[in-house]
């Protein structure tokens, strides 16, 4: 054997192995593959289940294919086309990376498997090379080729993992955004259900609309249910992002509110998932009014301000008897009337709420009775005044 100039590229290595060494290496491919798989199972816990049963045999065959490609590469001289032998193994590694992404394993686990594979392959193949008289200087070239080849395969696997992750993520996000668009557009139920099936998204019992600042989207998504949908841009939602959180009703709502606290976010009501537009509208309305965190803690305020123009007209009408008073006197009587309504006429409670003497309350209520007459006893007037002064 002669030692050729070193090259780190697998496509131009110039290494020559004896026919006897290559024949023995090929005869030991199955055993080397078993050693590689066994070492990966022992050292990378996330692969233990994957390598059991039929899947384990498939992976063993893939390892054998990769090692066979390497030996074909190692048996050729510089003058030949050395890219061809690696092509099937590189493509196999690329597809392996895509499969690993679909299985939910990370590139860390994938690269760990390749590192272990390189180590075990070099250990077994170099032992065969030494038995066949490979000189030490040529052995160094052989080692360089082994690790360059594994680097090429691992790079292809990472590329496959990345492509699958990005492609799957983009496609799934578009499908989920489609669900959100149909829900917000109040599309027919069967159309929304079909979109959910196409996205592989299991419909929950309820959905809760949550509006969060852009800066808080990532941390909130990390704490809520994984099936949460991030809607595409919503008109009128400046510097905010709409999330549709599944099954945050009952006791789960308290956990959601704890997640959102101090994040400048607001949660609408939990509603049947196909009716989520109602939760979205309430959250957006509450946000306009400056409500924080929980729309359901401010329902009276939301009801009162549902029609600002109507509320203004109601106030003007029912407080008209106070119009001729000076502003200071008018405000005092309006505050007294409000407290009297809320405390159901209990004079001491009204006085405590206003920080005045009970006799002052009695005096002011006398003035109000003169202004309103018997209308203060009429249920419709009491209701109107309660709403106007709430």
Protein backbone atom coordinates (compact mmCIF):
# COMPACT_ATOMS: atom_id res chain seq x y z
CA UNK A 1 0.00 0.00 0.00
CA UNK A 2 1.19 3.51 -0.66
CA UNK A 3 0.37 6.62 1.29
CA UNK A 4 -1.30 9.28 -0.82
CA UNK A 5 -1.38 13.02 -0.07
CA UNK A 6 -3.90 13.81 2.61
CA UNK A 7 -7.23 15.43 1.85
CA UNK A 8 -10.06 16.14 4.23
CA UNK A 9 -12.64 15.95 1.44
CA UNK A 10 -14.24 12.58 0.85
CA UNK A 11 -14.41 13.35 -2.86
CA UNK A 12 -10.61 13.45 -3.25
CA UNK A 13 -8.99 11.31 -0.58
CA UNK A 14 -6.44 9.36 -2.64
CA UNK A 15 -6.48 6.48 -0.12
CA UNK A 16 -5.91 2.93 -1.31
CA UNK A 17 -6.76 -0.15 0.74
CA UNK A 18 -5.73 -3.70 -0.02
CA UNK A 19 -8.37 -6.03 -1.49
CA UNK A 20 -7.99 -8.32 1.53
CA UNK A 21 -8.68 -5.51 4.01
CA UNK A 22 -11.70 -4.35 2.02
CA UNK A 23 -13.05 -7.89 1.74
CA UNK A 24 -12.80 -8.47 5.49
CA UNK A 25 -14.38 -5.07 6.23
CA UNK A 26 -17.27 -5.85 3.93
CA UNK A 27 -17.73 -9.20 5.64
CA UNK A 28 -17.94 -7.48 9.00
CA UNK A 29 -20.41 -4.73 8.01
CA UNK A 30 -23.34 -6.41 9.75
CA UNK A 31 -21.39 -6.83 12.99
CA UNK A 32 -20.12 -3.23 12.85
CA UNK A 33 -23.67 -1.98 12.26
CA UNK A 34 -24.87 -3.97 15.29
CA UNK A 35 -22.08 -2.45 17.41
CA UNK A 36 -23.01 1.07 16.25
CA UNK A 37 -26.70 0.60 17.00
CA UNK A 38 -25.95 -1.00 20.39
CA UNK A 39 -23.70 1.89 21.41
CA UNK A 40 -26.28 4.49 20.35
CA UNK A 41 -29.01 2.72 22.33
CA UNK A 42 -26.78 2.61 25.41
CA UNK A 43 -25.62 6.22 25.22
CA UNK A 44 -28.59 8.16 23.79
CA UNK A 45 -31.74 7.41 25.86
CA UNK A 46 -34.15 8.97 23.36
CA UNK A 47 -33.26 6.27 20.81
CA UNK A 48 -33.97 3.24 23.00
CA UNK A 49 -37.60 2.88 22.01
CA UNK A 50 -36.95 3.87 18.39
CA UNK A 51 -34.45 1.04 17.89
CA UNK A 52 -36.75 -1.69 19.17
CA UNK A 53 -38.84 -3.88 16.87
CA UNK A 54 -39.06 -3.38 13.09
CA UNK A 55 -37.79 0.19 13.30
CA UNK A 56 -34.55 -1.05 14.85
CA UNK A 57 -33.98 -3.40 11.92
CA UNK A 58 -34.64 -0.59 9.45
CA UNK A 59 -32.06 1.60 11.16
CA UNK A 60 -29.51 -1.25 11.25
CA UNK A 61 -29.95 -1.64 7.51
CA UNK A 62 -29.47 2.11 7.05
CA UNK A 63 -26.24 1.97 9.07
CA UNK A 64 -25.02 -0.92 6.92
CA UNK A 65 -25.84 1.04 3.78
CA UNK A 66 -23.86 4.01 5.05
CA UNK A 67 -20.86 1.83 5.95
CA UNK A 68 -21.07 0.10 2.58
CA UNK A 69 -21.00 3.46 0.87
CA UNK A 70 -17.93 4.36 2.86
CA UNK A 71 -16.08 1.20 1.85
CA UNK A 72 -16.96 1.79 -1.80
CA UNK A 73 -15.60 5.30 -1.41
CA UNK A 74 -12.44 4.07 0.33
CA UNK A 75 -11.77 1.51 -2.39
CA UNK A 76 -11.55 4.10 -5.20
CA UNK A 77 -8.60 6.17 -6.23
CA UNK A 78 -8.37 9.90 -6.77
CA UNK A 79 -8.71 9.71 -10.54
CA UNK A 80 -12.23 8.31 -10.37
CA UNK A 81 -15.57 10.00 -9.73
CA UNK A 82 -15.67 9.72 -5.98
CA UNK A 83 -18.91 11.60 -5.40
CA UNK A 84 -21.17 8.87 -6.70
CA UNK A 85 -20.59 6.27 -3.92
CA UNK A 86 -21.66 8.70 -1.21
CA UNK A 87 -24.87 9.85 -2.89
CA UNK A 88 -27.24 7.10 -1.62
CA UNK A 89 -25.86 7.36 1.92
CA UNK A 90 -26.08 11.16 1.92
CA UNK A 91 -29.66 11.03 0.66
CA UNK A 92 -30.45 8.38 3.27
CA UNK A 93 -29.03 10.61 6.02
CA UNK A 94 -31.04 13.56 4.74
CA UNK A 95 -34.24 11.52 4.88
CA UNK A 96 -33.23 10.21 8.31
CA UNK A 97 -32.99 13.79 9.54
CA UNK A 98 -36.48 14.57 8.23
CA UNK A 99 -37.83 11.46 9.93
CA UNK A 100 -36.19 12.37 13.22
CA UNK A 101 -37.83 15.81 13.08
CA UNK A 102 -41.22 14.19 12.52
CA UNK A 103 -40.55 11.90 15.48
CA UNK A 104 -39.87 14.88 17.70
CA UNK A 105 -36.20 14.17 18.37
CA UNK A 106 -33.76 17.06 18.38
CA UNK A 107 -30.65 17.64 16.33
CA UNK A 108 -28.65 17.22 19.56
CA UNK A 109 -29.76 13.59 19.78
CA UNK A 110 -29.17 13.12 16.06
CA UNK A 111 -25.62 14.49 16.16
CA UNK A 112 -24.86 12.46 19.28
CA UNK A 113 -25.86 9.32 17.36
CA UNK A 114 -23.54 10.24 14.49
CA UNK A 115 -20.63 10.94 16.85
CA UNK A 116 -21.09 7.56 18.47
CA UNK A 117 -21.41 5.93 15.06
CA UNK A 118 -18.13 7.51 13.93
CA UNK A 119 -16.32 6.37 17.05
CA UNK A 120 -17.56 2.77 16.96
CA UNK A 121 -17.10 2.46 13.18
CA UNK A 122 -13.53 3.72 13.42
CA UNK A 123 -12.76 1.37 16.30
CA UNK A 124 -14.01 -1.72 14.46
CA UNK A 125 -12.76 -0.86 10.97
CA UNK A 126 -9.34 0.29 12.15
CA UNK A 127 -8.86 -3.03 13.99
CA UNK A 128 -9.48 -4.83 10.70
CA UNK A 129 -7.12 -2.46 8.87
CA UNK A 130 -4.32 -3.11 11.39
CA UNK A 131 -4.82 -6.89 11.12
CA UNK A 132 -4.33 -6.50 7.40
CA UNK A 133 -1.05 -4.64 7.77
CA UNK A 134 -2.14 -1.04 7.12
CA UNK A 135 0.90 1.13 7.99
CA UNK A 136 0.50 3.77 10.70
CA UNK A 137 0.84 6.71 8.33
CA UNK A 138 -1.81 5.34 5.98
CA UNK A 139 -3.97 4.50 9.01
CA UNK A 140 -4.05 8.23 9.77
CA UNK A 141 -5.43 8.91 6.31
CA UNK A 142 -7.99 6.18 6.85
CA UNK A 143 -9.11 7.80 10.12
CA UNK A 144 -9.37 11.17 8.42
CA UNK A 145 -11.58 9.70 5.71
CA UNK A 146 -13.84 7.94 8.25
CA UNK A 147 -14.55 11.12 10.15
CA UNK A 148 -14.88 13.29 7.04
CA UNK A 149 -17.44 10.82 5.70
CA UNK A 150 -19.41 10.85 8.95
CA UNK A 151 -19.31 14.66 8.97
CA UNK A 152 -20.79 14.64 5.48
CA UNK A 153 -23.59 12.31 6.54
CA UNK A 154 -24.34 14.20 9.75
CA UNK A 155 -24.48 17.52 7.87
CA UNK A 156 -27.01 15.98 5.47
CA UNK A 157 -29.07 14.69 8.40
CA UNK A 158 -29.12 18.09 10.08
CA UNK A 159 -30.15 19.70 6.79
CA UNK A 160 -33.02 17.21 6.52
CA UNK A 161 -34.06 17.86 10.12
CA UNK A 162 -34.00 21.62 9.56
CA UNK A 163 -35.92 21.43 6.29
CA UNK A 164 -38.60 19.21 7.81
CA UNK A 165 -38.94 21.40 10.88
CA UNK A 166 -39.22 24.59 8.85
CA UNK A 167 -41.53 23.10 6.24
CA UNK A 168 -43.78 21.38 8.75
CA UNK A 169 -43.83 24.45 10.97
CA UNK A 170 -44.73 26.82 8.13
CA UNK A 171 -47.38 24.53 6.70
CA UNK A 172 -48.94 23.82 10.07
CA UNK A 173 -48.93 27.50 11.03
CA UNK A 174 -50.74 28.37 7.80
CA UNK A 175 -53.31 25.64 8.46
CA UNK A 176 -53.87 26.87 12.01
CA UNK A 177 -54.17 30.46 10.83
CA UNK A 178 -56.79 29.23 8.39
CA UNK A 179 -58.80 27.79 11.29
CA UNK A 180 -58.55 31.10 13.14
CA UNK A 181 -59.62 33.07 10.06
CA UNK A 182 -62.68 30.85 9.57
CA UNK A 183 -63.62 31.11 13.25
CA UNK A 184 -63.25 34.88 13.29
CA UNK A 185 -65.17 35.14 10.03
CA UNK A 186 -67.94 33.01 11.56
CA UNK A 187 -67.78 30.53 8.68
CA UNK A 188 -70.15 27.54 8.61
CA UNK A 189 -69.35 24.94 11.27
CA UNK A 190 -68.64 22.15 8.78
CA UNK A 191 -66.08 24.31 6.96
CA UNK A 192 -64.25 25.09 10.20
CA UNK A 193 -64.34 21.45 11.28
CA UNK A 194 -62.90 20.34 7.94
CA UNK A 195 -60.05 22.87 8.29
CA UNK A 196 -59.30 21.52 11.77
CA UNK A 197 -59.13 17.96 10.43
CA UNK A 198 -56.82 19.04 7.62
CA UNK A 199 -54.49 20.69 10.15
CA UNK A 200 -54.52 17.70 12.47
CA UNK A 201 -55.87 19.98 15.21
CA UNK A 202 -58.24 18.31 17.66
CA UNK A 203 -61.12 20.69 18.45
CA UNK A 204 -61.32 21.50 22.18
CA UNK A 205 -64.45 21.94 24.24
CA UNK A 206 -63.86 25.68 24.60
CA UNK A 207 -61.62 28.41 23.28
CA UNK A 208 -60.60 31.57 25.11
CA UNK A 209 -59.49 34.68 23.24
CA UNK A 210 -56.34 36.16 24.75
CA UNK A 211 -54.78 39.43 23.58
CA UNK A 212 -51.10 39.80 24.46
CA UNK A 213 -48.45 42.39 23.57
CA UNK A 214 -46.07 41.29 20.80
CA UNK A 215 -43.20 41.16 23.27
CA UNK A 216 -45.06 38.62 25.42
CA UNK A 217 -46.18 36.20 22.71
CA UNK A 218 -43.26 33.79 23.00
CA UNK A 219 -43.27 33.47 26.82
CA UNK A 220 -47.05 33.12 26.95
CA UNK A 221 -47.06 30.46 24.23
CA UNK A 222 -44.50 28.56 26.27
CA UNK A 223 -46.88 28.40 29.24
CA UNK A 224 -50.30 27.77 27.69
CA UNK A 225 -51.61 24.63 25.97
CA UNK A 226 -49.55 23.45 22.99
CA UNK A 227 -52.69 23.42 20.80
CA UNK A 228 -53.07 27.20 21.20
CA UNK A 229 -53.59 28.97 17.87
CA UNK A 230 -51.83 32.23 17.11
CA UNK A 231 -54.10 34.12 14.76
CA UNK A 232 -52.83 36.12 11.84
CA UNK A 233 -53.05 39.91 11.98
CA UNK A 234 -56.43 41.14 13.14
CA UNK A 235 -57.70 44.57 12.05
CA UNK A 236 -57.74 47.03 14.93
CA UNK A 237 -55.31 45.03 17.03
CA UNK A 238 -52.31 47.37 17.03
CA UNK A 239 -49.23 46.16 18.90
CA UNK A 240 -51.13 43.12 20.09
CA UNK A 241 -51.42 39.47 19.12
CA UNK A 242 -54.51 37.29 19.36
CA UNK A 243 -54.16 33.79 20.81
CA UNK A 244 -56.97 31.24 20.94
CA UNK A 245 -56.33 29.09 24.00
CA UNK A 246 -58.09 25.70 24.22
CA UNK A 247 -59.93 24.40 27.27
CA UNK A 248 -59.03 27.20 29.68
CA UNK A 249 -62.43 26.99 31.40
CA UNK A 250 -63.42 26.04 34.93
CA UNK A 251 -60.46 25.65 37.25
CA UNK A 252 -58.07 25.99 34.32
CA UNK A 253 -59.02 29.65 33.91
CA UNK A 254 -57.28 30.57 37.15
CA UNK A 255 -54.05 29.06 35.82
CA UNK A 256 -54.42 31.01 32.58
CA UNK A 257 -54.95 34.27 34.46
CA UNK A 258 -51.86 33.61 36.58
CA UNK A 259 -49.87 33.13 33.38
CA UNK A 260 -51.14 36.43 31.95
CA UNK A 261 -50.80 38.51 35.11
CA UNK A 262 -48.43 41.49 34.80
CA UNK A 263 -47.97 40.88 31.07
CA UNK A 264 -50.32 43.59 29.79
CA UNK A 265 -52.65 40.88 28.51
CA UNK A 266 -56.38 40.30 28.67
CA UNK A 267 -58.49 37.13 28.48
CA UNK A 268 -62.01 36.96 27.14
CA UNK A 269 -64.56 34.37 28.29
CA UNK A 270 -64.19 30.66 27.61
CA UNK A 271 -66.86 29.81 25.04
CA UNK A 272 -67.72 26.79 22.87
CA UNK A 273 -64.87 26.63 20.35
CA UNK A 274 -67.01 27.35 17.29
CA UNK A 275 -68.34 30.47 19.04
CA UNK A 276 -64.93 31.98 19.80
CA UNK A 277 -65.71 35.19 17.91
CA UNK A 278 -67.80 36.17 20.92
CA UNK A 279 -64.79 35.84 23.20
CA UNK A 280 -62.63 37.80 20.76
CA UNK A 281 -65.11 40.67 20.53
CA UNK A 282 -65.38 40.93 24.30
CA UNK A 283 -61.62 40.91 24.77
CA UNK A 284 -61.14 43.62 22.16
CA UNK A 285 -63.93 45.74 23.63
CA UNK A 286 -62.51 45.39 27.12
CA UNK A 287 -59.07 46.35 25.83
CA UNK A 288 -60.51 49.57 24.38
CA UNK A 289 -62.01 50.39 27.79
CA UNK A 290 -58.73 49.80 29.59
CA UNK A 291 -59.87 46.62 31.31
CA UNK A 292 -56.92 44.51 32.44
CA UNK A 293 -56.42 40.76 32.63
CA UNK A 294 -59.96 39.36 33.00
CA UNK A 295 -63.01 40.52 31.07
CA UNK A 296 -65.28 38.45 33.33
CA UNK A 297 -64.31 40.50 36.36
CA UNK A 298 -65.63 43.64 34.64
CA UNK A 299 -68.93 42.49 33.12
CA UNK A 300 -71.05 45.35 34.53
CA UNK A 301 -68.61 47.88 33.14
CA UNK A 302 -68.62 46.17 29.75
CA UNK A 303 -72.41 46.07 29.67
CA UNK A 304 -72.70 49.71 30.63
CA UNK A 305 -70.24 50.82 27.96
CA UNK A 306 -71.53 48.60 25.17
CA UNK A 307 -73.27 51.66 23.67
CA UNK A 308 -71.62 54.85 24.86
CA UNK A 309 -74.07 57.09 23.05
CA UNK A 310 -77.08 55.36 24.63
CA UNK A 311 -75.45 55.58 28.06
CA UNK A 312 -74.85 59.32 27.63
CA UNK A 313 -78.48 59.86 26.62
CA UNK A 314 -79.70 57.83 29.58
CA UNK A 315 -77.61 59.87 32.01
CA UNK A 316 -78.79 63.15 30.55
CA UNK A 317 -82.43 62.10 30.82
CA UNK A 318 -82.52 60.63 34.33
CA UNK A 319 -80.26 63.29 35.86
CA UNK A 320 -82.15 66.17 34.25
CA UNK A 321 -83.80 67.19 37.59
CA UNK A 322 -80.30 68.14 38.83
CA UNK A 323 -79.46 70.37 35.88
CA UNK A 324 -80.45 73.67 37.53
CA UNK A 325 -78.16 73.13 40.53
CA UNK A 326 -74.64 74.53 40.84
CA UNK A 327 -71.98 72.01 39.75
CA UNK A 328 -70.76 71.33 43.29
CA UNK A 329 -74.24 70.73 44.65
CA UNK A 330 -75.16 68.65 41.62
CA UNK A 331 -72.16 66.34 42.09
CA UNK A 332 -72.86 65.87 45.82
CA UNK A 333 -76.49 64.94 45.21
CA UNK A 334 -75.54 62.59 42.35
CA UNK A 335 -72.97 60.84 44.58
CA UNK A 336 -75.52 60.55 47.37
CA UNK A 337 -78.15 59.16 45.03
CA UNK A 338 -75.70 56.60 43.69
CA UNK A 339 -74.72 55.43 47.18
CA UNK A 340 -78.38 55.33 48.24
CA UNK A 341 -79.23 53.08 45.30
CA UNK A 342 -76.26 50.77 45.78
CA UNK A 343 -76.83 50.42 49.54
CA UNK A 344 -80.59 50.04 49.12
CA UNK A 345 -81.43 53.09 51.21
CA UNK A 346 -79.53 52.03 54.36
CA UNK A 347 -78.65 55.48 55.72
CA UNK A 348 -75.71 54.48 57.89
CA UNK A 349 -74.10 52.50 55.07
CA UNK A 350 -74.61 55.42 52.69
CA UNK A 351 -73.02 57.80 55.20
CA UNK A 352 -70.03 55.48 55.69
CA UNK A 353 -69.52 55.18 51.92
CA UNK A 354 -69.60 58.97 51.51
CA UNK A 355 -67.67 59.76 54.72
CA UNK A 356 -70.43 62.08 55.96
CA UNK A 357 -72.80 62.14 58.92
CA UNK A 358 -76.09 60.21 58.60
CA UNK A 359 -77.94 63.49 59.10
CA UNK A 360 -76.21 64.86 56.00
CA UNK A 361 -77.51 61.87 54.06
CA UNK A 362 -81.00 62.53 55.38
CA UNK A 363 -80.82 66.16 54.32
CA UNK A 364 -79.57 65.40 50.83
CA UNK A 365 -82.14 62.66 50.27
CA UNK A 366 -84.80 65.18 51.25
CA UNK A 367 -83.53 67.45 48.48
CA UNK A 368 -83.55 64.58 45.98
CA UNK A 369 -87.14 63.65 46.87
CA UNK A 370 -88.19 67.19 46.23
CA UNK A 371 -86.50 67.10 42.81
CA UNK A 372 -87.70 63.65 41.73
CA UNK A 373 -90.94 63.33 43.65
CA UNK A 374 -92.57 59.89 43.63
CA UNK A 375 -90.41 58.73 40.75
CA UNK A 376 -87.72 57.62 43.24
CA UNK A 377 -90.09 54.83 44.24
CA UNK A 378 -90.79 53.66 40.70
CA UNK A 379 -88.84 50.49 39.63
CA UNK A 380 -88.17 51.80 36.13
CA UNK A 381 -86.70 55.04 37.47
CA UNK A 382 -84.60 53.17 40.04
CA UNK A 383 -83.23 50.90 37.26
CA UNK A 384 -82.47 53.85 35.00
CA UNK A 385 -80.74 55.78 37.76
CA UNK A 386 -78.71 52.71 38.79
CA UNK A 387 -77.44 52.27 35.25
CA UNK A 388 -76.75 55.94 34.73
CA UNK A 389 -74.82 56.29 37.98
CA UNK A 390 -73.06 52.92 38.00
